[in-house]
Amino acid sequence: MLSNDQYVEKIGAECPNCHSENLSMGKMQTDADFAWMEVECLDCKALRNDVYNLVGYSSLMVKGKYTFVPEPGTSEKKNV
């Protein structure tokens, strides 16, 4: 069985129980400060919730123009 750290390292692409990549993703659900999605392994039938935290945003459209926000750790801002 994968630990949470191992699971995150594998970006949730395999079942933490049997390591299968044969997965069915449910509908994303949200609360005030996080989101989750039920995932089922189609091989071993294990169910889990993948949990997502807000870490920022990647682009902003203002008056029809996108403003791309810099990646964390950089200060470069790019307008398109």
C-alpha atoms as a PDB file:
ATOM      1  CA  MET A   1       0.000   0.000   0.000  1.00  0.00           C
ATOM      2  CA  LEU A   2       1.258   3.488  -0.882  1.00  0.00           C
ATOM      3  CA  SER A   3       1.758   6.128   1.799  1.00  0.00           C
ATOM      4  CA  ASN A   4       0.244   9.581   1.211  1.00  0.00           C
ATOM      5  CA  ASP A   5       3.683  10.938   0.232  1.00  0.00           C
ATOM      6  CA  GLN A   6       4.215   8.125  -2.286  1.00  0.00           C
ATOM      7  CA  TYR A   7       0.721   8.636  -3.656  1.00  0.00           C
ATOM      8  CA  VAL A   8       1.301  12.369  -4.197  1.00  0.00           C
ATOM      9  CA  GLU A   9       4.708  11.640  -5.764  1.00  0.00           C
ATOM     10  CA  LYS A  10       2.891   9.434  -8.305  1.00  0.00           C
ATOM     11  CA  ILE A  11       0.343  12.277  -8.826  1.00  0.00           C
ATOM     12  CA  GLY A  12      -2.553   9.990  -7.925  1.00  0.00           C
ATOM     13  CA  ALA A  13      -2.207   8.037 -11.154  1.00  0.00           C
ATOM     14  CA  GLU A  14      -2.381   4.616  -9.532  1.00  0.00           C
ATOM     15  CA  CYS A  15      -4.385   2.804  -6.897  1.00  0.00           C
ATOM     16  CA  PRO A  16      -2.657   3.044  -3.505  1.00  0.00           C
ATOM     17  CA  ASN A  17      -3.918  -0.477  -2.734  1.00  0.00           C
ATOM     18  CA  CYS A  18      -3.049  -2.582  -5.817  1.00  0.00           C
ATOM     19  CA  HIS A  19      -1.019  -0.079  -7.951  1.00  0.00           C
ATOM     20  CA  SER A  20      -3.401  -0.400 -10.921  1.00  0.00           C
ATOM     21  CA  GLU A  21      -3.816   2.556 -13.280  1.00  0.00           C
ATOM     22  CA  ASN A  22      -7.325   1.358 -14.235  1.00  0.00           C
ATOM     23  CA  LEU A  23      -9.230   4.113 -12.401  1.00  0.00           C
ATOM     24  CA  SER A  24     -12.627   5.791 -12.597  1.00  0.00           C
ATOM     25  CA  MET A  25     -12.791   9.410 -11.447  1.00  0.00           C
ATOM     26  CA  GLY A  26     -15.975  10.855  -9.957  1.00  0.00           C
ATOM     27  CA  LYS A  27     -17.257  14.408  -9.945  1.00  0.00           C
ATOM     28  CA  MET A  28     -15.121  17.099  -8.313  1.00  0.00           C
ATOM     29  CA  GLN A  29     -16.740  18.446  -5.135  1.00  0.00           C
ATOM     30  CA  THR A  30     -15.770  21.579  -3.253  1.00  0.00           C
ATOM     31  CA  ASP A  31     -15.914  23.141   0.185  1.00  0.00           C
ATOM     32  CA  ALA A  32     -14.696  26.524   1.392  1.00  0.00           C
ATOM     33  CA  ASP A  33     -10.963  25.826   1.199  1.00  0.00           C
ATOM     34  CA  PHE A  34     -10.439  22.492  -0.566  1.00  0.00           C
ATOM     35  CA  ALA A  35     -11.880  20.127  -3.138  1.00  0.00           C
ATOM     36  CA  TRP A  36     -12.092  16.346  -3.403  1.00  0.00           C
ATOM     37  CA  MET A  37     -12.983  13.718  -5.952  1.00  0.00           C
ATOM     38  CA  GLU A  38     -13.979  10.101  -5.391  1.00  0.00           C
ATOM     39  CA  VAL A  39     -11.795   7.658  -7.297  1.00  0.00           C
ATOM     40  CA  GLU A  40     -12.507   3.963  -7.760  1.00  0.00           C
ATOM     41  CA  CYS A  41      -9.980   1.330  -8.764  1.00  0.00           C
ATOM     42  CA  LEU A  42     -11.690  -0.783 -11.399  1.00  0.00           C
ATOM     43  CA  ASP A  43      -9.398  -3.749 -10.634  1.00  0.00           C
ATOM     44  CA  CYS A  44      -9.543  -4.156  -6.835  1.00  0.00           C
ATOM     45  CA  LYS A  45     -12.699  -1.993  -6.309  1.00  0.00           C
ATOM     46  CA  ALA A  46     -10.979   0.193  -3.679  1.00  0.00           C
ATOM     47  CA  LEU A  47     -12.570   3.631  -3.206  1.00  0.00           C
ATOM     48  CA  ARG A  48     -10.727   6.754  -2.107  1.00  0.00           C
ATOM     49  CA  ASN A  49     -11.062  10.521  -2.110  1.00  0.00           C
ATOM     50  CA  ASP A  50      -8.331  12.529  -3.809  1.00  0.00           C
ATOM     51  CA  VAL A  51      -8.015  15.849  -1.946  1.00  0.00           C
ATOM     52  CA  TYR A  52      -6.947  19.105  -3.625  1.00  0.00           C
ATOM     53  CA  ASN A  53      -5.797  22.361  -2.011  1.00  0.00           C
ATOM     54  CA  LEU A  54      -5.870  25.781  -3.642  1.00  0.00           C
ATOM     55  CA  VAL A  55      -2.305  26.911  -4.348  1.00  0.00           C
ATOM     56  CA  GLY A  56      -2.936  29.876  -6.632  1.00  0.00           C
ATOM     57  CA  TYR A  57      -4.124  30.572 -10.148  1.00  0.00           C
ATOM     58  CA  SER A  58      -2.427  30.420 -13.520  1.00  0.00           C
ATOM     59  CA  SER A  59      -4.043  33.124 -15.610  1.00  0.00           C
ATOM     60  CA  LEU A  60      -6.411  36.039 -15.386  1.00  0.00           C
ATOM     61  CA  MET A  61      -8.495  37.479 -18.244  1.00  0.00           C
ATOM     62  CA  VAL A  62      -9.258  41.183 -18.035  1.00  0.00           C
ATOM     63  CA  LYS A  63     -11.066  42.965 -20.859  1.00  0.00           C
ATOM     64  CA  GLY A  64     -10.386  40.082 -23.258  1.00  0.00           C
ATOM     65  CA  LYS A  65      -6.650  39.835 -22.544  1.00  0.00           C
ATOM     66  CA  TYR A  66      -4.982  37.116 -20.530  1.00  0.00           C
ATOM     67  CA  THR A  67      -2.422  38.017 -17.898  1.00  0.00           C
ATOM     68  CA  PHE A  68      -0.251  35.049 -17.042  1.00  0.00           C
ATOM     69  CA  VAL A  69       0.822  34.919 -13.439  1.00  0.00           C
ATOM     70  CA  PRO A  70       4.410  33.883 -12.723  1.00  0.00           C
ATOM     71  CA  GLU A  71       5.157  30.410 -11.465  1.00  0.00           C
ATOM     72  CA  PRO A  72       5.895  30.187  -7.719  1.00  0.00           C
ATOM     73  CA  GLY A  73       9.452  31.243  -7.006  1.00  0.00           C
ATOM     74  CA  THR A  74       9.724  33.570 -10.041  1.00  0.00           C
ATOM     75  CA  SER A  75       8.922  37.229 -10.449  1.00  0.00           C
ATOM     76  CA  GLU A  76       8.494  37.423 -14.219  1.00  0.00           C
ATOM     77  CA  LYS A  77       5.003  38.456 -15.355  1.00  0.00           C
ATOM     78  CA  LYS A  78       3.900  37.999 -18.953  1.00  0.00           C
ATOM     79  CA  ASN A  79       0.979  39.735 -20.684  1.00  0.00           C
ATOM     80  CA  VAL A  80      -0.612  38.368 -23.847  1.00  0.00           C
END
